[in-house]
Amino acid sequence: MVSRFLWGHEEGKRGMAWVSWKAMGRPKAMGGLSFRDFENFNLALLGKQAWRLAIDADCLWVRLMKAKYFPNGNFMADSMGHEPSYTWRGIVEVRAMLEKGLRR
């Protein structure tokens, strides 16, 4: 979607890519446009939600997720659950990354 916006897109035609994605991700001081890496940015946002699930038990969103996906257990120990949503699958996949940084 971003590339269509930046380089134009007409039905059946390709726009001209004047700059590579790699160059666009570089800092402005190095000649880039400082675009974020969307994959890493998404992982960071999912990690933030996973952290909230692990830490903040009073939050309404956490209580809803707990009731739906892990009613009898712990977020860090339970499986994916029954018929998980796309968002929930992403949060569960980030859980392993979150475990590396957790301390008691």
PDB file of N, CA and C in Angstrom:
ATOM      1  N   MET A   1       0.826  -1.170   0.000  1.00  0.00           N
ATOM      2  CA  MET A   1       0.000   0.000   0.000  1.00  0.00           C
ATOM      3  C   MET A   1       0.887   1.256   0.000  1.00  0.00           C
ATOM      4  N   VAL A   2       1.935   1.236   0.811  1.00  0.00           N
ATOM      5  CA  VAL A   2       2.828   2.390   0.870  1.00  0.00           C
ATOM      6  C   VAL A   2       3.529   2.585  -0.469  1.00  0.00           C
ATOM      7  N   SER A   3       3.968   1.489  -1.075  1.00  0.00           N
ATOM      8  CA  SER A   3       4.673   1.620  -2.357  1.00  0.00           C
ATOM      9  C   SER A   3       3.743   2.164  -3.445  1.00  0.00           C
ATOM     10  N   ARG A   4       2.483   1.750  -3.444  1.00  0.00           N
ATOM     11  CA  ARG A   4       1.534   2.284  -4.433  1.00  0.00           C
ATOM     12  C   ARG A   4       1.345   3.780  -4.236  1.00  0.00           C
ATOM     13  N   PHE A   5       1.307   4.219  -2.971  1.00  0.00           N
ATOM     14  CA  PHE A   5       1.161   5.640  -2.696  1.00  0.00           C
ATOM     15  C   PHE A   5       2.386   6.419  -3.167  1.00  0.00           C
ATOM     16  N   LEU A   6       3.581   5.917  -2.851  1.00  0.00           N
ATOM     17  CA  LEU A   6       4.800   6.646  -3.176  1.00  0.00           C
ATOM     18  C   LEU A   6       5.136   6.638  -4.660  1.00  0.00           C
ATOM     19  N   TRP A   7       4.946   5.505  -5.311  1.00  0.00           N
ATOM     20  CA  TRP A   7       5.400   5.379  -6.687  1.00  0.00           C
ATOM     21  C   TRP A   7       4.274   5.345  -7.702  1.00  0.00           C
ATOM     22  N   GLY A   8       3.072   5.585  -7.276  1.00  0.00           N
ATOM     23  CA  GLY A   8       1.952   5.624  -8.195  1.00  0.00           C
ATOM     24  C   GLY A   8       1.577   4.243  -8.693  1.00  0.00           C
ATOM     25  N   HIS A   9       0.311   4.077  -8.985  1.00  0.00           N
ATOM     26  CA  HIS A   9      -0.149   2.776  -9.455  1.00  0.00           C
ATOM     27  C   HIS A   9      -1.432   2.980 -10.254  1.00  0.00           C
ATOM     28  N   GLU A  10      -1.378   2.607 -11.494  1.00  0.00           N
ATOM     29  CA  GLU A  10      -2.573   2.586 -12.323  1.00  0.00           C
ATOM     30  C   GLU A  10      -2.900   1.143 -12.617  1.00  0.00           C
ATOM     31  N   GLU A  11      -4.157   0.863 -12.808  1.00  0.00           N
ATOM     32  CA  GLU A  11      -4.581  -0.513 -13.067  1.00  0.00           C
ATOM     33  C   GLU A  11      -3.860  -1.056 -14.289  1.00  0.00           C
ATOM     34  N   GLY A  12      -3.146  -2.161 -14.114  1.00  0.00           N
ATOM     35  CA  GLY A  12      -2.444  -2.808 -15.208  1.00  0.00           C
ATOM     36  C   GLY A  12      -1.062  -2.259 -15.492  1.00  0.00           C
ATOM     37  N   LYS A  13      -0.661  -1.187 -14.824  1.00  0.00           N
ATOM     38  CA  LYS A  13       0.662  -0.598 -15.039  1.00  0.00           C
ATOM     39  C   LYS A  13       1.414  -0.529 -13.723  1.00  0.00           C
ATOM     40  N   ARG A  14       2.722  -0.624 -13.829  1.00  0.00           N
ATOM     41  CA  ARG A  14       3.570  -0.486 -12.651  1.00  0.00           C
ATOM     42  C   ARG A  14       4.170   0.901 -12.626  1.00  0.00           C
ATOM     43  N   GLY A  15       4.280   1.465 -11.420  1.00  0.00           N
ATOM     44  CA  GLY A  15       4.928   2.762 -11.274  1.00  0.00           C
ATOM     45  C   GLY A  15       6.433   2.598 -11.239  1.00  0.00           C
ATOM     46  N   MET A  16       7.129   3.695 -11.384  1.00  0.00           N
ATOM     47  CA  MET A  16       8.587   3.679 -11.372  1.00  0.00           C
ATOM     48  C   MET A  16       9.086   3.765  -9.934  1.00  0.00           C
ATOM     49  N   ALA A  17       9.907   2.827  -9.521  1.00  0.00           N
ATOM     50  CA  ALA A  17      10.499   2.825  -8.187  1.00  0.00           C
ATOM     51  C   ALA A  17      11.809   3.592  -8.250  1.00  0.00           C
ATOM     52  N   TRP A  18      11.808   4.813  -7.799  1.00  0.00           N
ATOM     53  CA  TRP A  18      12.980   5.658  -7.902  1.00  0.00           C
ATOM     54  C   TRP A  18      14.011   5.339  -6.823  1.00  0.00           C
ATOM     55  N   VAL A  19      13.554   4.833  -5.696  1.00  0.00           N
ATOM     56  CA  VAL A  19      14.444   4.529  -4.577  1.00  0.00           C
ATOM     57  C   VAL A  19      14.059   3.159  -4.023  1.00  0.00           C
ATOM     58  N   SER A  20      15.039   2.366  -3.599  1.00  0.00           N
ATOM     59  CA  SER A  20      14.751   1.038  -3.052  1.00  0.00           C
ATOM     60  C   SER A  20      14.203   1.152  -1.622  1.00  0.00           C
ATOM     61  N   TRP A  21      13.517   0.099  -1.171  1.00  0.00           N
ATOM     62  CA  TRP A  21      13.001   0.073   0.198  1.00  0.00           C
ATOM     63  C   TRP A  21      14.145   0.131   1.195  1.00  0.00           C
ATOM     64  N   LYS A  22      15.246  -0.519   0.888  1.00  0.00           N
ATOM     65  CA  LYS A  22      16.397  -0.522   1.794  1.00  0.00           C
ATOM     66  C   LYS A  22      16.909   0.908   1.987  1.00  0.00           C
ATOM     67  N   ALA A  23      16.976   1.662   0.910  1.00  0.00           N
ATOM     68  CA  ALA A  23      17.446   3.045   0.993  1.00  0.00           C
ATOM     69  C   ALA A  23      16.448   3.923   1.750  1.00  0.00           C
ATOM     70  N   MET A  24      15.172   3.634   1.615  1.00  0.00           N
ATOM     71  CA  MET A  24      14.153   4.434   2.299  1.00  0.00           C
ATOM     72  C   MET A  24      14.173   4.202   3.803  1.00  0.00           C
ATOM     73  N   GLY A  25      14.648   3.047   4.243  1.00  0.00           N
ATOM     74  CA  GLY A  25      14.701   2.736   5.665  1.00  0.00           C
ATOM     75  C   GLY A  25      15.900   3.323   6.378  1.00  0.00           C
ATOM     76  N   ARG A  26      16.882   3.791   5.628  1.00  0.00           N
ATOM     77  CA  ARG A  26      18.056   4.398   6.254  1.00  0.00           C
ATOM     78  C   ARG A  26      17.689   5.727   6.914  1.00  0.00           C
ATOM     79  N   PRO A  27      18.456   6.142   7.934  1.00  0.00           N
ATOM     80  CA  PRO A  27      18.205   7.448   8.562  1.00  0.00           C
ATOM     81  C   PRO A  27      18.378   8.588   7.564  1.00  0.00           C
ATOM     82  N   LYS A  28      17.711   9.690   7.814  1.00  0.00           N
ATOM     83  CA  LYS A  28      17.789  10.848   6.919  1.00  0.00           C
ATOM     84  C   LYS A  28      19.219  11.368   6.785  1.00  0.00           C
ATOM     85  N   ALA A  29      19.981  11.282   7.863  1.00  0.00           N
ATOM     86  CA  ALA A  29      21.366  11.751   7.833  1.00  0.00           C
ATOM     87  C   ALA A  29      22.223  10.933   6.873  1.00  0.00           C
ATOM     88  N   MET A  30      21.764   9.708   6.578  1.00  0.00           N
ATOM     89  CA  MET A  30      22.511   8.836   5.666  1.00  0.00           C
ATOM     90  C   MET A  30      21.865   8.793   4.275  1.00  0.00           C
ATOM     91  N   GLY A  31      20.969   9.735   3.983  1.00  0.00           N
ATOM     92  CA  GLY A  31      20.376   9.820   2.655  1.00  0.00           C
ATOM     93  C   GLY A  31      19.074   9.058   2.480  1.00  0.00           C
ATOM     94  N   GLY A  32      18.523   8.508   3.545  1.00  0.00           N
ATOM     95  CA  GLY A  32      17.265   7.771   3.464  1.00  0.00           C
ATOM     96  C   GLY A  32      16.081   8.630   3.855  1.00  0.00           C
ATOM     97  N   LEU A  33      14.931   7.988   4.018  1.00  0.00           N
ATOM     98  CA  LEU A  33      13.719   8.696   4.418  1.00  0.00           C
ATOM     99  C   LEU A  33      13.241   8.302   5.813  1.00  0.00           C
ATOM    100  N   SER A  34      14.008   7.488   6.528  1.00  0.00           N
ATOM    101  CA  SER A  34      13.704   7.056   7.892  1.00  0.00           C
ATOM    102  C   SER A  34      12.381   6.319   8.020  1.00  0.00           C
ATOM    103  N   PHE A  35      12.019   5.525   7.013  1.00  0.00           N
ATOM    104  CA  PHE A  35      10.813   4.704   7.114  1.00  0.00           C
ATOM    105  C   PHE A  35      11.079   3.568   8.085  1.00  0.00           C
ATOM    106  N   ARG A  36      10.061   3.186   8.819  1.00  0.00           N
ATOM    107  CA  ARG A  36      10.184   2.063   9.744  1.00  0.00           C
ATOM    108  C   ARG A  36      10.116   0.755   8.977  1.00  0.00           C
ATOM    109  N   ASP A  37      10.755  -0.245   9.558  1.00  0.00           N
ATOM    110  CA  ASP A  37      10.614  -1.605   9.051  1.00  0.00           C
ATOM    111  C   ASP A  37       9.279  -2.112   9.592  1.00  0.00           C
ATOM    112  N   PHE A  38       8.295  -2.296   8.715  1.00  0.00           N
ATOM    113  CA  PHE A  38       6.938  -2.607   9.142  1.00  0.00           C
ATOM    114  C   PHE A  38       6.853  -3.921   9.913  1.00  0.00           C
ATOM    115  N   GLU A  39       7.639  -4.900   9.544  1.00  0.00           N
ATOM    116  CA  GLU A  39       7.604  -6.184  10.230  1.00  0.00           C
ATOM    117  C   GLU A  39       8.079  -6.042  11.679  1.00  0.00           C
ATOM    118  N   ASN A  40       9.188  -5.359  11.883  1.00  0.00           N
ATOM    119  CA  ASN A  40       9.690  -5.148  13.243  1.00  0.00           C
ATOM    120  C   ASN A  40       8.767  -4.254  14.053  1.00  0.00           C
ATOM    121  N   PHE A  41       8.178  -3.270  13.413  1.00  0.00           N
ATOM    122  CA  PHE A  41       7.241  -2.377  14.095  1.00  0.00           C
ATOM    123  C   PHE A  41       6.015  -3.156  14.572  1.00  0.00           C
ATOM    124  N   ASN A  42       5.515  -4.061  13.739  1.00  0.00           N
ATOM    125  CA  ASN A  42       4.374  -4.893  14.114  1.00  0.00           C
ATOM    126  C   ASN A  42       4.730  -5.800  15.288  1.00  0.00           C
ATOM    127  N   LEU A  43       5.915  -6.403  15.262  1.00  0.00           N
ATOM    128  CA  LEU A  43       6.359  -7.243  16.373  1.00  0.00           C
ATOM    129  C   LEU A  43       6.447  -6.440  17.672  1.00  0.00           C
ATOM    130  N   ALA A  44       6.907  -5.211  17.582  1.00  0.00           N
ATOM    131  CA  ALA A  44       7.001  -4.365  18.771  1.00  0.00           C
ATOM    132  C   ALA A  44       5.617  -4.068  19.341  1.00  0.00           C
ATOM    133  N   LEU A  45       4.658  -3.782  18.485  1.00  0.00           N
ATOM    134  CA  LEU A  45       3.301  -3.506  18.959  1.00  0.00           C
ATOM    135  C   LEU A  45       2.658  -4.752  19.562  1.00  0.00           C
ATOM    136  N   LEU A  46       2.861  -5.907  18.938  1.00  0.00           N
ATOM    137  CA  LEU A  46       2.332  -7.152  19.499  1.00  0.00           C
ATOM    138  C   LEU A  46       3.010  -7.476  20.833  1.00  0.00           C
ATOM    139  N   GLY A  47       4.299  -7.197  20.926  1.00  0.00           N
ATOM    140  CA  GLY A  47       5.021  -7.412  22.176  1.00  0.00           C
ATOM    141  C   GLY A  47       4.492  -6.531  23.296  1.00  0.00           C
ATOM    142  N   LYS A  48       4.103  -5.315  22.951  1.00  0.00           N
ATOM    143  CA  LYS A  48       3.527  -4.412  23.947  1.00  0.00           C
ATOM    144  C   LYS A  48       2.224  -4.979  24.492  1.00  0.00           C
ATOM    145  N   GLN A  49       1.393  -5.540  23.621  1.00  0.00           N
ATOM    146  CA  GLN A  49       0.141  -6.146  24.075  1.00  0.00           C
ATOM    147  C   GLN A  49       0.399  -7.402  24.898  1.00  0.00           C
ATOM    148  N   ALA A  50       1.383  -8.195  24.502  1.00  0.00           N
ATOM    149  CA  ALA A  50       1.739  -9.393  25.270  1.00  0.00           C
ATOM    150  C   ALA A  50       2.241  -9.003  26.656  1.00  0.00           C
ATOM    151  N   TRP A  51       3.023  -7.942  26.722  1.00  0.00           N
ATOM    152  CA  TRP A  51       3.513  -7.458  28.012  1.00  0.00           C
ATOM    153  C   TRP A  51       2.346  -7.044  28.905  1.00  0.00           C
ATOM    154  N   ARG A  52       1.385  -6.356  28.321  1.00  0.00           N
ATOM    155  CA  ARG A  52       0.205  -5.948  29.091  1.00  0.00           C
ATOM    156  C   ARG A  52      -0.547  -7.168  29.614  1.00  0.00           C
ATOM    157  N   LEU A  53      -0.667  -8.214  28.798  1.00  0.00           N
ATOM    158  CA  LEU A  53      -1.329  -9.443  29.238  1.00  0.00           C
ATOM    159  C   LEU A  53      -0.597 -10.093  30.400  1.00  0.00           C
ATOM    160  N   ALA A  54       0.710 -10.055  30.364  1.00  0.00           N
ATOM    161  CA  ALA A  54       1.510 -10.706  31.402  1.00  0.00           C
ATOM    162  C   ALA A  54       1.545  -9.909  32.699  1.00  0.00           C
ATOM    163  N   ILE A  55       1.403  -8.591  32.636  1.00  0.00           N
ATOM    164  CA  ILE A  55       1.616  -7.740  33.798  1.00  0.00           C
ATOM    165  C   ILE A  55       0.335  -7.137  34.372  1.00  0.00           C
ATOM    166  N   ASP A  56      -0.532  -6.598  33.543  1.00  0.00           N
ATOM    167  CA  ASP A  56      -1.661  -5.780  34.000  1.00  0.00           C
ATOM    168  C   ASP A  56      -2.955  -6.585  34.049  1.00  0.00           C
ATOM    169  N   ALA A  57      -3.247  -7.186  35.179  1.00  0.00           N
ATOM    170  CA  ALA A  57      -4.432  -8.043  35.315  1.00  0.00           C
ATOM    171  C   ALA A  57      -5.721  -7.246  35.482  1.00  0.00           C
ATOM    172  N   ASP A  58      -5.641  -5.968  35.811  1.00  0.00           N
ATOM    173  CA  ASP A  58      -6.845  -5.167  36.059  1.00  0.00           C
ATOM    174  C   ASP A  58      -7.412  -4.505  34.813  1.00  0.00           C
ATOM    175  N   CYS A  59      -6.680  -4.494  33.750  1.00  0.00           N
ATOM    176  CA  CYS A  59      -7.113  -3.848  32.509  1.00  0.00           C
ATOM    177  C   CYS A  59      -8.304  -4.617  31.910  1.00  0.00           C
ATOM    178  N   LEU A  60      -9.296  -3.893  31.412  1.00  0.00           N
ATOM    179  CA  LEU A  60     -10.485  -4.524  30.845  1.00  0.00           C
ATOM    180  C   LEU A  60     -10.131  -5.427  29.668  1.00  0.00           C
ATOM    181  N   TRP A  61      -9.255  -4.963  28.791  1.00  0.00           N
ATOM    182  CA  TRP A  61      -8.851  -5.759  27.629  1.00  0.00           C
ATOM    183  C   TRP A  61      -8.204  -7.071  28.060  1.00  0.00           C
ATOM    184  N   VAL A  62      -7.388  -7.010  29.096  1.00  0.00           N
ATOM    185  CA  VAL A  62      -6.721  -8.212  29.609  1.00  0.00           C
ATOM    186  C   VAL A  62      -7.745  -9.182  30.181  1.00  0.00           C
ATOM    187  N   ARG A  63      -8.713  -8.676  30.911  1.00  0.00           N
ATOM    188  CA  ARG A  63      -9.746  -9.540  31.472  1.00  0.00           C
ATOM    189  C   ARG A  63     -10.569 -10.215  30.375  1.00  0.00           C
ATOM    190  N   LEU A  64     -10.860  -9.482  29.290  1.00  0.00           N
ATOM    191  CA  LEU A  64     -11.600 -10.080  28.171  1.00  0.00           C
ATOM    192  C   LEU A  64     -10.791 -11.179  27.482  1.00  0.00           C
ATOM    193  N   MET A  65      -9.514 -10.923  27.231  1.00  0.00           N
ATOM    194  CA  MET A  65      -8.661 -11.920  26.591  1.00  0.00           C
ATOM    195  C   MET A  65      -8.487 -13.148  27.481  1.00  0.00           C
ATOM    196  N   LYS A  66      -8.349 -12.900  28.779  1.00  0.00           N
ATOM    197  CA  LYS A  66      -8.211 -14.010  29.719  1.00  0.00           C
ATOM    198  C   LYS A  66      -9.470 -14.873  29.718  1.00  0.00           C
ATOM    199  N   ALA A  67     -10.622 -14.252  29.727  1.00  0.00           N
ATOM    200  CA  ALA A  67     -11.886 -15.001  29.728  1.00  0.00           C
ATOM    201  C   ALA A  67     -12.051 -15.819  28.451  1.00  0.00           C
ATOM    202  N   LYS A  68     -11.595 -15.287  27.343  1.00  0.00           N
ATOM    203  CA  LYS A  68     -11.790 -15.975  26.070  1.00  0.00           C
ATOM    204  C   LYS A  68     -10.729 -17.028  25.785  1.00  0.00           C
ATOM    205  N   TYR A  69      -9.446 -16.729  26.034  1.00  0.00           N
ATOM    206  CA  TYR A  69      -8.369 -17.594  25.557  1.00  0.00           C
ATOM    207  C   TYR A  69      -7.653 -18.404  26.636  1.00  0.00           C
ATOM    208  N   PHE A  70      -7.600 -17.931  27.867  1.00  0.00           N
ATOM    209  CA  PHE A  70      -6.925 -18.713  28.913  1.00  0.00           C
ATOM    210  C   PHE A  70      -7.627 -18.522  30.257  1.00  0.00           C
ATOM    211  N   PRO A  71      -8.894 -18.986  30.363  1.00  0.00           N
ATOM    212  CA  PRO A  71      -9.673 -18.752  31.581  1.00  0.00           C
ATOM    213  C   PRO A  71      -9.135 -19.469  32.825  1.00  0.00           C
ATOM    214  N   ASN A  72      -8.475 -20.594  32.659  1.00  0.00           N
ATOM    215  CA  ASN A  72      -8.036 -21.365  33.818  1.00  0.00           C
ATOM    216  C   ASN A  72      -6.530 -21.344  34.035  1.00  0.00           C
ATOM    217  N   GLY A  73      -5.838 -20.479  33.343  1.00  0.00           N
ATOM    218  CA  GLY A  73      -4.384 -20.559  33.445  1.00  0.00           C
ATOM    219  C   GLY A  73      -3.693 -19.222  33.358  1.00  0.00           C
ATOM    220  N   ASN A  74      -2.483 -19.294  32.860  1.00  0.00           N
ATOM    221  CA  ASN A  74      -1.588 -18.161  32.772  1.00  0.00           C
ATOM    222  C   ASN A  74      -1.273 -17.901  31.305  1.00  0.00           C
ATOM    223  N   PHE A  75      -1.206 -16.650  30.923  1.00  0.00           N
ATOM    224  CA  PHE A  75      -0.926 -16.290  29.528  1.00  0.00           C
ATOM    225  C   PHE A  75       0.402 -16.868  29.053  1.00  0.00           C
ATOM    226  N   MET A  76       1.415 -16.843  29.903  1.00  0.00           N
ATOM    227  CA  MET A  76       2.738 -17.291  29.500  1.00  0.00           C
ATOM    228  C   MET A  76       2.835 -18.812  29.387  1.00  0.00           C
ATOM    229  N   ALA A  77       1.899 -19.548  29.989  1.00  0.00           N
ATOM    230  CA  ALA A  77       1.997 -21.006  30.004  1.00  0.00           C
ATOM    231  C   ALA A  77       0.966 -21.693  29.115  1.00  0.00           C
ATOM    232  N   ASP A  78      -0.142 -21.048  28.837  1.00  0.00           N
ATOM    233  CA  ASP A  78      -1.219 -21.702  28.101  1.00  0.00           C
ATOM    234  C   ASP A  78      -0.956 -21.784  26.603  1.00  0.00           C
ATOM    235  N   SER A  79      -1.737 -22.644  25.950  1.00  0.00           N
ATOM    236  CA  SER A  79      -1.613 -22.816  24.498  1.00  0.00           C
ATOM    237  C   SER A  79      -2.384 -21.715  23.774  1.00  0.00           C
ATOM    238  N   MET A  80      -2.501 -21.860  22.469  1.00  0.00           N
ATOM    239  CA  MET A  80      -3.132 -20.846  21.635  1.00  0.00           C
ATOM    240  C   MET A  80      -4.615 -20.673  21.945  1.00  0.00           C
ATOM    241  N   GLY A  81      -5.301 -21.724  22.364  1.00  0.00           N
ATOM    242  CA  GLY A  81      -6.725 -21.622  22.650  1.00  0.00           C
ATOM    243  C   GLY A  81      -7.564 -22.125  21.493  1.00  0.00           C
ATOM    244  N   HIS A  82      -8.873 -22.058  21.663  1.00  0.00           N
ATOM    245  CA  HIS A  82      -9.820 -22.560  20.674  1.00  0.00           C
ATOM    246  C   HIS A  82     -10.206 -21.448  19.704  1.00  0.00           C
ATOM    247  N   GLU A  83     -10.042 -21.683  18.411  1.00  0.00           N
ATOM    248  CA  GLU A  83     -10.369 -20.728  17.342  1.00  0.00           C
ATOM    249  C   GLU A  83      -9.807 -19.327  17.622  1.00  0.00           C
ATOM    250  N   PRO A  84      -8.495 -19.190  17.652  1.00  0.00           N
ATOM    251  CA  PRO A  84      -7.889 -17.899  17.960  1.00  0.00           C
ATOM    252  C   PRO A  84      -8.060 -16.900  16.818  1.00  0.00           C
ATOM    253  N   SER A  85      -8.165 -15.638  17.184  1.00  0.00           N
ATOM    254  CA  SER A  85      -8.246 -14.582  16.180  1.00  0.00           C
ATOM    255  C   SER A  85      -6.857 -14.333  15.592  1.00  0.00           C
ATOM    256  N   TYR A  86      -6.793 -13.574  14.523  1.00  0.00           N
ATOM    257  CA  TYR A  86      -5.522 -13.247  13.876  1.00  0.00           C
ATOM    258  C   TYR A  86      -4.613 -12.481  14.848  1.00  0.00           C
ATOM    259  N   THR A  87      -5.195 -11.547  15.581  1.00  0.00           N
ATOM    260  CA  THR A  87      -4.429 -10.764  16.550  1.00  0.00           C
ATOM    261  C   THR A  87      -3.891 -11.642  17.663  1.00  0.00           C
ATOM    262  N   TRP A  88      -4.733 -12.549  18.168  1.00  0.00           N
ATOM    263  CA  TRP A  88      -4.302 -13.414  19.253  1.00  0.00           C
ATOM    264  C   TRP A  88      -3.159 -14.330  18.816  1.00  0.00           C
ATOM    265  N   ARG A  89      -3.225 -14.827  17.583  1.00  0.00           N
ATOM    266  CA  ARG A  89      -2.126 -15.666  17.073  1.00  0.00           C
ATOM    267  C   ARG A  89      -0.823 -14.894  17.069  1.00  0.00           C
ATOM    268  N   GLY A  90      -0.882 -13.636  16.664  1.00  0.00           N
ATOM    269  CA  GLY A  90       0.318 -12.805  16.644  1.00  0.00           C
ATOM    270  C   GLY A  90       0.879 -12.583  18.035  1.00  0.00           C
ATOM    271  N   ILE A  91      -0.001 -12.333  19.004  1.00  0.00           N
ATOM    272  CA  ILE A  91       0.443 -12.105  20.379  1.00  0.00           C
ATOM    273  C   ILE A  91       1.090 -13.358  20.942  1.00  0.00           C
ATOM    274  N   VAL A  92       0.506 -14.515  20.667  1.00  0.00           N
ATOM    275  CA  VAL A  92       1.069 -15.773  21.169  1.00  0.00           C
ATOM    276  C   VAL A  92       2.433 -16.043  20.538  1.00  0.00           C
ATOM    277  N   GLU A  93       2.603 -15.700  19.265  1.00  0.00           N
ATOM    278  CA  GLU A  93       3.899 -15.909  18.610  1.00  0.00           C
ATOM    279  C   GLU A  93       4.976 -14.998  19.197  1.00  0.00           C
ATOM    280  N   VAL A  94       4.614 -13.834  19.664  1.00  0.00           N
ATOM    281  CA  VAL A  94       5.568 -12.891  20.249  1.00  0.00           C
ATOM    282  C   VAL A  94       5.930 -13.299  21.675  1.00  0.00           C
ATOM    283  N   ARG A  95       5.128 -14.161  22.274  1.00  0.00           N
ATOM    284  CA  ARG A  95       5.333 -14.571  23.662  1.00  0.00           C
ATOM    285  C   ARG A  95       6.743 -15.131  23.891  1.00  0.00           C
ATOM    286  N   ALA A  96       7.269 -15.898  22.960  1.00  0.00           N
ATOM    287  CA  ALA A  96       8.620 -16.465  23.109  1.00  0.00           C
ATOM    288  C   ALA A  96       9.665 -15.346  23.186  1.00  0.00           C
ATOM    289  N   MET A  97       9.493 -14.314  22.386  1.00  0.00           N
ATOM    290  CA  MET A  97      10.405 -13.190  22.416  1.00  0.00           C
ATOM    291  C   MET A  97      10.302 -12.448  23.761  1.00  0.00           C
ATOM    292  N   LEU A  98       9.094 -12.361  24.260  1.00  0.00           N
ATOM    293  CA  LEU A  98       8.865 -11.687  25.541  1.00  0.00           C
ATOM    294  C   LEU A  98       9.498 -12.464  26.688  1.00  0.00           C
ATOM    295  N   GLU A  99       9.447 -13.784  26.629  1.00  0.00           N
ATOM    296  CA  GLU A  99      10.030 -14.617  27.690  1.00  0.00           C
ATOM    297  C   GLU A  99      11.530 -14.393  27.846  1.00  0.00           C
ATOM    298  N   LYS A 100      12.205 -14.084  26.749  1.00  0.00           N
ATOM    299  CA  LYS A 100      13.651 -13.843  26.819  1.00  0.00           C
ATOM    300  C   LYS A 100      14.003 -12.642  27.670  1.00  0.00           C
ATOM    301  N   GLY A 101      13.105 -11.647  27.725  1.00  0.00           N
ATOM    302  CA  GLY A 101      13.396 -10.436  28.451  1.00  0.00           C
ATOM    303  C   GLY A 101      12.754 -10.332  29.830  1.00  0.00           C
ATOM    304  N   LEU A 102      11.932 -11.309  30.211  1.00  0.00           N
ATOM    305  CA  LEU A 102      11.252 -11.249  31.508  1.00  0.00           C
ATOM    306  C   LEU A 102      12.198 -11.586  32.654  1.00  0.00           C
ATOM    307  N   ARG A 103      12.014 -10.874  33.747  1.00  0.00           N
ATOM    308  CA  ARG A 103      12.763 -11.145  34.961  1.00  0.00           C
ATOM    309  C   ARG A 103      11.795 -11.078  36.130  1.00  0.00           C
ATOM    310  N   ARG A 104      12.074 -11.827  37.175  1.00  0.00           N
ATOM    311  CA  ARG A 104      11.230 -11.762  38.376  1.00  0.00           C
ATOM    312  C   ARG A 104      11.881 -10.879  39.389  1.00  0.00           C
TER     313      ARG A 104
END
